[in-house]
Protein backbone atom coordinates (compact mmCIF):
# COMPACT_ATOMS: atom_id res chain seq x y z
CA MET A 1 5.27 16.48 -1.33
CA LYS A 2 2.85 17.32 -4.18
CA ASP A 3 1.48 14.41 -6.21
CA LYS A 4 2.55 16.23 -9.41
CA ASN A 5 6.16 16.03 -8.31
CA LEU A 6 6.04 12.28 -7.88
CA PRO A 7 7.32 9.92 -10.59
CA ASN A 8 4.51 8.43 -12.61
CA ASN A 9 5.97 4.96 -12.65
CA TYR A 10 5.82 4.75 -8.85
CA GLU A 11 2.06 5.37 -8.84
CA SER A 12 1.34 2.11 -10.65
CA LEU A 13 3.46 -0.11 -8.41
CA SER A 14 2.14 -2.28 -5.53
CA LEU A 15 3.05 -1.57 -1.93
CA GLU A 16 5.45 -4.50 -2.00
CA ASP A 17 7.19 -3.24 -5.10
CA LEU A 18 7.38 0.33 -3.69
CA THR A 19 8.94 -1.07 -0.50
CA ASN A 20 11.46 -3.03 -2.52
CA GLU A 21 12.34 0.08 -4.40
CA ALA A 22 12.75 2.04 -1.18
CA ASN A 23 15.04 -0.62 0.22
CA ARG A 24 17.12 -0.52 -2.94
CA ILE A 25 17.56 3.21 -2.62
CA ILE A 26 18.47 2.85 1.04
CA ASP A 27 21.04 0.20 0.22
CA TYR A 28 22.50 2.55 -2.42
CA LEU A 29 22.64 5.52 0.01
CA GLU A 30 24.23 3.42 2.74
CA SER A 31 27.01 2.30 0.32
CA GLN A 32 27.96 5.91 -0.62
CA LYS A 33 30.92 7.52 1.02
CA ASP A 34 30.11 11.06 -0.11
CA LEU A 35 26.52 11.74 0.79
CA GLN A 36 26.62 15.17 -0.81
CA ASN A 37 26.33 13.42 -4.21
CA SER A 38 23.32 11.42 -3.03
CA ILE A 39 20.89 14.25 -2.39
CA GLU A 40 18.80 13.44 -5.39
CA LYS A 41 18.47 9.82 -4.35
CA TYR A 42 17.50 10.84 -0.88
CA GLN A 43 14.86 13.17 -2.31
CA ASP A 44 13.54 10.27 -4.45
CA LEU A 45 13.37 8.17 -1.22
CA LEU A 46 11.32 10.90 0.50
CA LYS A 47 8.87 11.05 -2.49
CA LEU A 48 8.64 7.24 -2.54
CA ASN A 49 7.87 7.24 1.18
CA SER A 50 4.99 9.68 0.57
CA ILE A 51 3.61 7.43 -2.09
CA ILE A 52 3.84 4.37 0.14
CA GLU A 53 2.05 6.19 2.96
CA LYS A 54 -0.79 7.26 0.71
CA LYS A 55 -1.23 3.75 -0.75
CA PHE A 56 -1.08 2.25 2.75
CA GLN A 57 -3.77 4.69 4.01
CA LYS A 58 -5.92 3.82 1.01
CA SER A 59 -5.55 0.14 1.67
CA VAL A 60 -6.44 0.53 5.34
CA LYS A 61 -9.52 2.53 4.34
CA ASN A 62 -10.59 -0.24 1.93
CA ILE A 63 -10.06 -2.92 4.56
CA ASN A 64 -12.10 -0.92 7.11
CA GLU A 65 -14.99 -0.45 4.58
CA LYS A 66 -15.08 -4.21 3.65
CA SER A 67 -14.96 -5.15 7.33
CA LYS A 68 -17.85 -2.86 8.07
CA GLU A 69 -19.87 -4.35 5.20
CA ASN A 70 -19.17 -7.87 6.38
CA ILE A 71 -20.22 -7.03 9.95
CA LEU A 72 -23.46 -5.53 8.67
CA LYS A 73 -24.18 -8.71 6.62
CA ILE A 74 -23.57 -10.92 9.64
CA ILE A 75 -25.81 -8.77 11.84
CA SER A 76 -28.53 -8.83 9.18
CA LYS A 77 -28.34 -12.66 8.89
CA ASN A 78 -28.48 -13.01 12.69
CA ASN A 79 -31.49 -10.79 12.84
CA GLU A 80 -33.25 -12.77 10.11
CA LYS A 81 -32.61 -15.99 12.09
CA LYS A 82 -34.08 -14.47 15.25
CA ILE A 83 -37.24 -13.47 13.40
CA ARG A 84 -37.92 -16.95 12.06
């Protein structure tokens, strides 16, 4: 899915809010008897899933970077203690 096809209001939501919205769409789709009329909602769900994946990947990347920084700080402090 291309980013330009994604709804703008989804981009500003948190992962938790996006997950809640996905669950709401799933509940709606499960309650429908005629799924032919639900194609648009299913497509919205696919787009929403794409946004969730991208936000999750970005969060994982940020966590990894912060962890790496913290490890380097700890190593640096330990090396300073050894020198003294």
